[in-house]
Amino acid sequence: MTAPVRGIAVAPTTSEPVLPGFEHMRRFWDPTHSCMTVKVLPGEYYVSTQEEMISTVLGSCVSACVRDAERRIGGMNHFMLPEPMGGERNDWSLAVGRAARYGSDAMEQLINAVLKAGGRREALTVKIFGGGRVLAQMTDVGQRNISFVKRYLETERLPVVAEDVGDIYPRQLQFFPVSGRVRVRQLRSQRDAELAANEQRYLKRLANDPIKGEVELF
């Protein structure tokens, strides 16, 4: 446990191990919040059963925070639907099909991990964030992400208990999975171009990323 020294929280010499499958995630001590912190990057997700913070920065991407409040288990993902590729741009059914399969995979991986950690599907609640149109010249991929995640959660009958989506600004998101508390901070224009460029690179990777196989949902 952390011991205060002259009013300053000191990092613990040891910390609880992460859940199996998340050993590769970078964790570090955050003295401001006096807890371990994990940063989730585009295409990643993370689930925890301990007092720590999951953090990410969102532009057009969307994050879902999925939690079982009774069992104090929660996790966050960070994803974006891929842009249509090549001939798909002229074939709406193919373009939508690929995006839906990718988005479903992103959501099911997170939900599956929460259930594997001991959560119960009937107890899950969801908070959604992101999907901003951070640069006017970009296509509104953020709105596509918002529409997808809302349709997905409605189809799966998972209740959305809070959301902060859309608009034109990036967001810094901090999620505390044990308590369910979320902090959202608007990021101003000086980071818009950098964040948009990073997301464009992510989209290019998605264009060549094969869609994963079906994920069995508990």
C-alpha atoms as a PDB file:
ATOM      1  CA  MET A   1       0.000   0.000   0.000  1.00  0.00           C
ATOM      2  CA  THR A   2       1.058   3.609  -0.526  1.00  0.00           C
ATOM      3  CA  ALA A   3       2.482   5.392   2.500  1.00  0.00           C
ATOM      4  CA  PRO A   4       2.263   9.221   2.633  1.00  0.00           C
ATOM      5  CA  VAL A   5       5.599  10.965   3.120  1.00  0.00           C
ATOM      6  CA  ARG A   6       5.407  14.687   3.905  1.00  0.00           C
ATOM      7  CA  GLY A   7       2.050  14.866   2.161  1.00  0.00           C
ATOM      8  CA  ILE A   8       3.274  13.144  -1.008  1.00  0.00           C
ATOM      9  CA  ALA A   9       1.952   9.773  -2.133  1.00  0.00           C
ATOM     10  CA  VAL A  10       4.788   7.362  -2.828  1.00  0.00           C
ATOM     11  CA  ALA A  11       4.519   4.582  -5.373  1.00  0.00           C
ATOM     12  CA  PRO A  12       4.078   1.146  -3.805  1.00  0.00           C
ATOM     13  CA  THR A  13       7.075  -1.144  -4.015  1.00  0.00           C
ATOM     14  CA  THR A  14       4.810  -3.889  -5.357  1.00  0.00           C
ATOM     15  CA  SER A  15       1.490  -3.888  -7.168  1.00  0.00           C
ATOM     16  CA  GLU A  16      -1.114  -6.518  -7.810  1.00  0.00           C
ATOM     17  CA  PRO A  17      -0.553  -8.493 -11.007  1.00  0.00           C
ATOM     18  CA  VAL A  18      -2.719  -7.716 -14.013  1.00  0.00           C
ATOM     19  CA  LEU A  19      -5.322 -10.168 -15.268  1.00  0.00           C
ATOM     20  CA  PRO A  20      -4.033 -12.901 -17.601  1.00  0.00           C
ATOM     21  CA  GLY A  21      -3.743 -11.650 -21.163  1.00  0.00           C
ATOM     22  CA  PHE A  22      -2.867  -8.071 -20.236  1.00  0.00           C
ATOM     23  CA  GLU A  23       0.745  -8.560 -19.157  1.00  0.00           C
ATOM     24  CA  HIS A  24       1.922  -6.657 -22.263  1.00  0.00           C
ATOM     25  CA  MET A  25       0.101  -3.447 -21.287  1.00  0.00           C
ATOM     26  CA  ARG A  26       2.223  -0.614 -19.929  1.00  0.00           C
ATOM     27  CA  ARG A  27       1.359   0.282 -16.319  1.00  0.00           C
ATOM     28  CA  PHE A  28       2.884   3.110 -14.314  1.00  0.00           C
ATOM     29  CA  TRP A  29       2.367   4.917 -11.044  1.00  0.00           C
ATOM     30  CA  ASP A  30       0.344   8.139 -11.305  1.00  0.00           C
ATOM     31  CA  PRO A  31       1.203  10.352  -8.318  1.00  0.00           C
ATOM     32  CA  THR A  32      -1.658  12.766  -9.083  1.00  0.00           C
ATOM     33  CA  HIS A  33      -4.289  10.068  -8.582  1.00  0.00           C
ATOM     34  CA  SER A  34      -2.176   7.884  -6.250  1.00  0.00           C
ATOM     35  CA  CYS A  35      -2.814   4.738  -8.261  1.00  0.00           C
ATOM     36  CA  MET A  36      -1.449   2.591 -11.034  1.00  0.00           C
ATOM     37  CA  THR A  37      -2.449   3.744 -14.517  1.00  0.00           C
ATOM     38  CA  VAL A  38      -2.764   1.925 -17.840  1.00  0.00           C
ATOM     39  CA  LYS A  39      -2.847   3.794 -21.149  1.00  0.00           C
ATOM     40  CA  VAL A  40      -5.051   2.226 -23.819  1.00  0.00           C
ATOM     41  CA  LEU A  41      -4.017   2.987 -27.397  1.00  0.00           C
ATOM     42  CA  PRO A  42      -6.137   2.674 -30.574  1.00  0.00           C
ATOM     43  CA  GLY A  43      -7.039  -0.958 -31.174  1.00  0.00           C
ATOM     44  CA  GLU A  44      -6.392  -1.983 -27.559  1.00  0.00           C
ATOM     45  CA  TYR A  45      -8.575  -2.869 -24.566  1.00  0.00           C
ATOM     46  CA  TYR A  46      -7.914  -3.504 -20.890  1.00  0.00           C
ATOM     47  CA  VAL A  47      -9.871  -5.012 -17.982  1.00  0.00           C
ATOM     48  CA  SER A  48      -9.157  -4.712 -14.272  1.00  0.00           C
ATOM     49  CA  THR A  49     -10.464  -5.838 -10.886  1.00  0.00           C
ATOM     50  CA  GLN A  50      -8.232  -3.569  -8.816  1.00  0.00           C
ATOM     51  CA  GLU A  51      -7.957   0.081  -7.805  1.00  0.00           C
ATOM     52  CA  GLU A  52      -6.249   1.563 -10.822  1.00  0.00           C
ATOM     53  CA  MET A  53      -7.004   3.996 -13.633  1.00  0.00           C
ATOM     54  CA  ILE A  54      -7.441   3.282 -17.354  1.00  0.00           C
ATOM     55  CA  SER A  55      -6.665   6.276 -19.527  1.00  0.00           C
ATOM     56  CA  THR A  56      -6.864   7.165 -23.220  1.00  0.00           C
ATOM     57  CA  VAL A  57      -7.169  10.134 -25.583  1.00  0.00           C
ATOM     58  CA  LEU A  58      -9.996  10.151 -28.133  1.00  0.00           C
ATOM     59  CA  GLY A  59     -10.566  12.114 -31.298  1.00  0.00           C
ATOM     60  CA  SER A  60     -12.783  10.395 -33.848  1.00  0.00           C
ATOM     61  CA  CYS A  61     -12.314   7.075 -32.054  1.00  0.00           C
ATOM     62  CA  VAL A  62     -14.788   5.742 -29.506  1.00  0.00           C
ATOM     63  CA  SER A  63     -14.228   4.103 -26.143  1.00  0.00           C
ATOM     64  CA  ALA A  64     -16.741   1.948 -24.320  1.00  0.00           C
ATOM     65  CA  CYS A  65     -16.322   1.479 -20.571  1.00  0.00           C
ATOM     66  CA  VAL A  66     -18.016  -1.810 -19.613  1.00  0.00           C
ATOM     67  CA  ARG A  67     -18.531  -2.657 -15.944  1.00  0.00           C
ATOM     68  CA  ASP A  68     -20.146  -5.094 -13.538  1.00  0.00           C
ATOM     69  CA  ALA A  69     -20.805  -2.816 -10.543  1.00  0.00           C
ATOM     70  CA  GLU A  70     -21.705  -5.611  -8.120  1.00  0.00           C
ATOM     71  CA  ARG A  71     -18.469  -7.504  -8.725  1.00  0.00           C
ATOM     72  CA  ARG A  72     -16.387  -4.323  -9.239  1.00  0.00           C
ATOM     73  CA  ILE A  73     -14.922  -5.428 -12.567  1.00  0.00           C
ATOM     74  CA  GLY A  74     -14.522  -3.076 -15.498  1.00  0.00           C
ATOM     75  CA  GLY A  75     -12.675  -2.415 -18.701  1.00  0.00           C
ATOM     76  CA  MET A  76     -12.230   0.006 -21.571  1.00  0.00           C
ATOM     77  CA  ASN A  77     -11.565  -0.321 -25.295  1.00  0.00           C
ATOM     78  CA  HIS A  78     -10.501   2.220 -27.927  1.00  0.00           C
ATOM     79  CA  PHE A  79     -11.540   1.616 -31.512  1.00  0.00           C
ATOM     80  CA  MET A  80     -12.471   3.131 -34.845  1.00  0.00           C
ATOM     81  CA  LEU A  81     -14.385   1.595 -37.713  1.00  0.00           C
ATOM     82  CA  PRO A  82     -12.183   1.036 -40.766  1.00  0.00           C
ATOM     83  CA  GLU A  83     -12.687   3.130 -43.880  1.00  0.00           C
ATOM     84  CA  PRO A  84     -13.955   1.322 -46.998  1.00  0.00           C
ATOM     85  CA  MET A  85     -11.135  -0.192 -49.050  1.00  0.00           C
ATOM     86  CA  GLY A  86     -10.656   0.005 -52.825  1.00  0.00           C
ATOM     87  CA  GLY A  87     -13.732  -1.312 -54.593  1.00  0.00           C
ATOM     88  CA  GLU A  88     -15.661  -1.310 -51.325  1.00  0.00           C
ATOM     89  CA  ARG A  89     -16.078   2.437 -51.716  1.00  0.00           C
ATOM     90  CA  ASN A  90     -18.536   1.717 -54.503  1.00  0.00           C
ATOM     91  CA  ASP A  91     -20.193  -1.202 -52.758  1.00  0.00           C
ATOM     92  CA  TRP A  92     -22.037   0.007 -49.657  1.00  0.00           C
ATOM     93  CA  SER A  93     -23.015  -3.456 -48.426  1.00  0.00           C
ATOM     94  CA  LEU A  94     -19.402  -4.636 -48.404  1.00  0.00           C
ATOM     95  CA  ALA A  95     -18.170  -1.446 -46.744  1.00  0.00           C
ATOM     96  CA  VAL A  96     -20.792  -1.545 -43.995  1.00  0.00           C
ATOM     97  CA  GLY A  97     -20.325  -5.292 -43.504  1.00  0.00           C
ATOM     98  CA  ARG A  98     -16.602  -5.008 -42.938  1.00  0.00           C
ATOM     99  CA  ALA A  99     -16.999  -2.071 -40.535  1.00  0.00           C
ATOM    100  CA  ALA A 100     -19.710  -3.861 -38.560  1.00  0.00           C
ATOM    101  CA  ARG A 101     -17.615  -7.013 -38.224  1.00  0.00           C
ATOM    102  CA  TYR A 102     -14.607  -5.006 -37.074  1.00  0.00           C
ATOM    103  CA  GLY A 103     -16.636  -2.969 -34.582  1.00  0.00           C
ATOM    104  CA  SER A 104     -18.375  -6.066 -33.227  1.00  0.00           C
ATOM    105  CA  ASP A 105     -15.008  -7.731 -32.722  1.00  0.00           C
ATOM    106  CA  ALA A 106     -13.716  -4.688 -30.815  1.00  0.00           C
ATOM    107  CA  MET A 107     -16.746  -4.712 -28.504  1.00  0.00           C
ATOM    108  CA  GLU A 108     -16.923  -8.467 -28.019  1.00  0.00           C
ATOM    109  CA  GLN A 109     -13.259  -8.730 -27.045  1.00  0.00           C
ATOM    110  CA  LEU A 110     -13.836  -6.243 -24.214  1.00  0.00           C
ATOM    111  CA  ILE A 111     -17.113  -7.784 -23.059  1.00  0.00           C
ATOM    112  CA  ASN A 112     -15.627 -11.271 -23.202  1.00  0.00           C
ATOM    113  CA  ALA A 113     -12.663 -10.176 -21.076  1.00  0.00           C
ATOM    114  CA  VAL A 114     -14.954  -8.653 -18.422  1.00  0.00           C
ATOM    115  CA  LEU A 115     -16.988 -11.867 -18.290  1.00  0.00           C
ATOM    116  CA  LYS A 116     -13.852 -14.009 -18.161  1.00  0.00           C
ATOM    117  CA  ALA A 117     -12.676 -11.959 -15.165  1.00  0.00           C
ATOM    118  CA  GLY A 118     -15.873 -12.894 -13.313  1.00  0.00           C
ATOM    119  CA  GLY A 119     -18.464 -10.389 -14.521  1.00  0.00           C
ATOM    120  CA  ARG A 120     -22.050 -11.418 -15.251  1.00  0.00           C
ATOM    121  CA  ARG A 121     -23.591 -10.389 -18.536  1.00  0.00           C
ATOM    122  CA  GLU A 122     -26.941  -9.432 -17.003  1.00  0.00           C
ATOM    123  CA  ALA A 123     -25.145  -7.057 -14.611  1.00  0.00           C
ATOM    124  CA  LEU A 124     -23.142  -5.145 -17.232  1.00  0.00           C
ATOM    125  CA  THR A 125     -23.582  -1.427 -17.824  1.00  0.00           C
ATOM    126  CA  VAL A 126     -21.792   0.716 -20.389  1.00  0.00           C
ATOM    127  CA  LYS A 127     -20.549   4.299 -20.705  1.00  0.00           C
ATOM    128  CA  ILE A 128     -19.474   5.575 -24.144  1.00  0.00           C
ATOM    129  CA  PHE A 129     -17.190   8.439 -25.118  1.00  0.00           C
ATOM    130  CA  GLY A 130     -15.519  10.056 -28.120  1.00  0.00           C
ATOM    131  CA  GLY A 131     -16.482  10.271 -31.757  1.00  0.00           C
ATOM    132  CA  GLY A 132     -15.586  13.948 -32.135  1.00  0.00           C
ATOM    133  CA  ARG A 133     -15.135  15.607 -35.510  1.00  0.00           C
ATOM    134  CA  VAL A 134     -11.797  17.076 -34.576  1.00  0.00           C
ATOM    135  CA  LEU A 135     -10.903  18.489 -38.009  1.00  0.00           C
ATOM    136  CA  ALA A 136     -13.521  19.917 -40.353  1.00  0.00           C
ATOM    137  CA  GLN A 137     -11.807  18.531 -43.468  1.00  0.00           C
ATOM    138  CA  MET A 138     -12.003  14.954 -42.205  1.00  0.00           C
ATOM    139  CA  THR A 139     -14.947  12.733 -43.067  1.00  0.00           C
ATOM    140  CA  ASP A 140     -17.231  12.345 -40.093  1.00  0.00           C
ATOM    141  CA  VAL A 141     -15.910   8.927 -39.124  1.00  0.00           C
ATOM    142  CA  GLY A 142     -16.621   9.882 -35.508  1.00  0.00           C
ATOM    143  CA  GLN A 143     -20.372   9.893 -36.154  1.00  0.00           C
ATOM    144  CA  ARG A 144     -20.121   6.479 -37.820  1.00  0.00           C
ATOM    145  CA  ASN A 145     -18.373   5.163 -34.710  1.00  0.00           C
ATOM    146  CA  ILE A 146     -21.058   6.624 -32.419  1.00  0.00           C
ATOM    147  CA  SER A 147     -23.899   5.229 -34.527  1.00  0.00           C
ATOM    148  CA  PHE A 148     -22.281   1.804 -34.595  1.00  0.00           C
ATOM    149  CA  VAL A 149     -21.653   1.496 -30.858  1.00  0.00           C
ATOM    150  CA  LYS A 150     -25.177   2.664 -30.001  1.00  0.00           C
ATOM    151  CA  ARG A 151     -26.738   0.176 -32.431  1.00  0.00           C
ATOM    152  CA  TYR A 152     -24.520  -2.603 -31.135  1.00  0.00           C
ATOM    153  CA  LEU A 153     -25.391  -1.968 -27.490  1.00  0.00           C
ATOM    154  CA  GLU A 154     -29.096  -1.704 -28.272  1.00  0.00           C
ATOM    155  CA  THR A 155     -28.988  -5.008 -30.178  1.00  0.00           C
ATOM    156  CA  GLU A 156     -27.102  -6.693 -27.338  1.00  0.00           C
ATOM    157  CA  ARG A 157     -29.441  -5.131 -24.765  1.00  0.00           C
ATOM    158  CA  LEU A 158     -26.612  -3.630 -22.773  1.00  0.00           C
ATOM    159  CA  PRO A 159     -27.732  -0.411 -21.032  1.00  0.00           C
ATOM    160  CA  VAL A 160     -25.852   2.842 -21.659  1.00  0.00           C
ATOM    161  CA  VAL A 161     -25.810   4.692 -18.334  1.00  0.00           C
ATOM    162  CA  ALA A 162     -23.681   7.664 -19.422  1.00  0.00           C
ATOM    163  CA  GLU A 163     -22.228   9.143 -22.605  1.00  0.00           C
ATOM    164  CA  ASP A 164     -20.202  12.082 -23.862  1.00  0.00           C
ATOM    165  CA  VAL A 165     -19.958  11.719 -27.634  1.00  0.00           C
ATOM    166  CA  GLY A 166     -19.800  13.818 -30.789  1.00  0.00           C
ATOM    167  CA  ASP A 167     -19.039  17.551 -30.966  1.00  0.00           C
ATOM    168  CA  ILE A 168     -15.754  18.857 -32.395  1.00  0.00           C
ATOM    169  CA  TYR A 169     -13.167  18.404 -29.657  1.00  0.00           C
ATOM    170  CA  PRO A 170     -10.822  15.603 -28.579  1.00  0.00           C
ATOM    171  CA  ARG A 171     -11.197  14.140 -25.100  1.00  0.00           C
ATOM    172  CA  GLN A 172      -8.908  12.751 -22.450  1.00  0.00           C
ATOM    173  CA  LEU A 173     -10.712   9.902 -20.712  1.00  0.00           C
ATOM    174  CA  GLN A 174      -9.894   8.466 -17.285  1.00  0.00           C
ATOM    175  CA  PHE A 175     -11.864   5.433 -16.084  1.00  0.00           C
ATOM    176  CA  PHE A 176     -11.667   3.884 -12.630  1.00  0.00           C
ATOM    177  CA  PRO A 177     -13.033   0.348 -13.143  1.00  0.00           C
ATOM    178  CA  VAL A 178     -13.637  -0.573  -9.499  1.00  0.00           C
ATOM    179  CA  SER A 179     -15.728   2.510  -8.636  1.00  0.00           C
ATOM    180  CA  GLY A 180     -17.015   3.121 -12.155  1.00  0.00           C
ATOM    181  CA  ARG A 181     -16.058   6.789 -11.935  1.00  0.00           C
ATOM    182  CA  VAL A 182     -15.091   8.528 -15.192  1.00  0.00           C
ATOM    183  CA  ARG A 183     -13.337  11.841 -15.766  1.00  0.00           C
ATOM    184  CA  VAL A 184     -13.527  13.497 -19.181  1.00  0.00           C
ATOM    185  CA  ARG A 185     -11.418  16.509 -20.094  1.00  0.00           C
ATOM    186  CA  GLN A 186     -11.795  18.462 -23.327  1.00  0.00           C
ATOM    187  CA  LEU A 187      -8.515  18.974 -25.179  1.00  0.00           C
ATOM    188  CA  ARG A 188      -8.149  22.223 -27.063  1.00  0.00           C
ATOM    189  CA  SER A 189      -7.082  22.923 -30.626  1.00  0.00           C
ATOM    190  CA  GLN A 190      -3.302  22.723 -30.239  1.00  0.00           C
ATOM    191  CA  ARG A 191      -3.534  18.906 -30.160  1.00  0.00           C
ATOM    192  CA  ASP A 192      -6.207  18.496 -32.843  1.00  0.00           C
ATOM    193  CA  ALA A 193      -3.868  18.180 -35.824  1.00  0.00           C
ATOM    194  CA  GLU A 194      -1.507  15.754 -34.039  1.00  0.00           C
ATOM    195  CA  LEU A 195      -4.359  13.564 -32.832  1.00  0.00           C
ATOM    196  CA  ALA A 196      -6.054  13.569 -36.250  1.00  0.00           C
ATOM    197  CA  ALA A 197      -2.770  12.572 -37.929  1.00  0.00           C
ATOM    198  CA  ASN A 198      -2.339   9.676 -35.484  1.00  0.00           C
ATOM    199  CA  GLU A 199      -5.892   8.498 -36.169  1.00  0.00           C
ATOM    200  CA  GLN A 200      -5.348   8.714 -39.931  1.00  0.00           C
ATOM    201  CA  ARG A 201      -2.323   6.437 -39.541  1.00  0.00           C
ATOM    202  CA  TYR A 202      -4.492   4.083 -37.487  1.00  0.00           C
ATOM    203  CA  LEU A 203      -7.130   4.049 -40.239  1.00  0.00           C
ATOM    204  CA  LYS A 204      -4.489   3.148 -42.815  1.00  0.00           C
ATOM    205  CA  ARG A 205      -3.430   0.201 -40.663  1.00  0.00           C
ATOM    206  CA  LEU A 206      -7.045  -0.923 -40.401  1.00  0.00           C
ATOM    207  CA  ALA A 207      -7.401  -0.849 -44.181  1.00  0.00           C
ATOM    208  CA  ASN A 208      -4.843  -3.653 -44.410  1.00  0.00           C
ATOM    209  CA  ASP A 209      -5.792  -5.423 -41.198  1.00  0.00           C
ATOM    210  CA  PRO A 210      -7.591  -8.726 -41.772  1.00  0.00           C
ATOM    211  CA  ILE A 211     -10.848  -9.048 -39.876  1.00  0.00           C
ATOM    212  CA  LYS A 212     -10.467 -11.474 -37.005  1.00  0.00           C
ATOM    213  CA  GLY A 213     -12.575 -14.591 -36.732  1.00  0.00           C
ATOM    214  CA  GLU A 214     -15.781 -14.795 -34.795  1.00  0.00           C
ATOM    215  CA  VAL A 215     -15.478 -14.141 -31.067  1.00  0.00           C
ATOM    216  CA  GLU A 216     -17.551 -16.390 -28.827  1.00  0.00           C
ATOM    217  CA  LEU A 217     -19.562 -14.230 -26.448  1.00  0.00           C
ATOM    218  CA  PHE A 218     -20.182 -15.700 -22.990  1.00  0.00           C
END
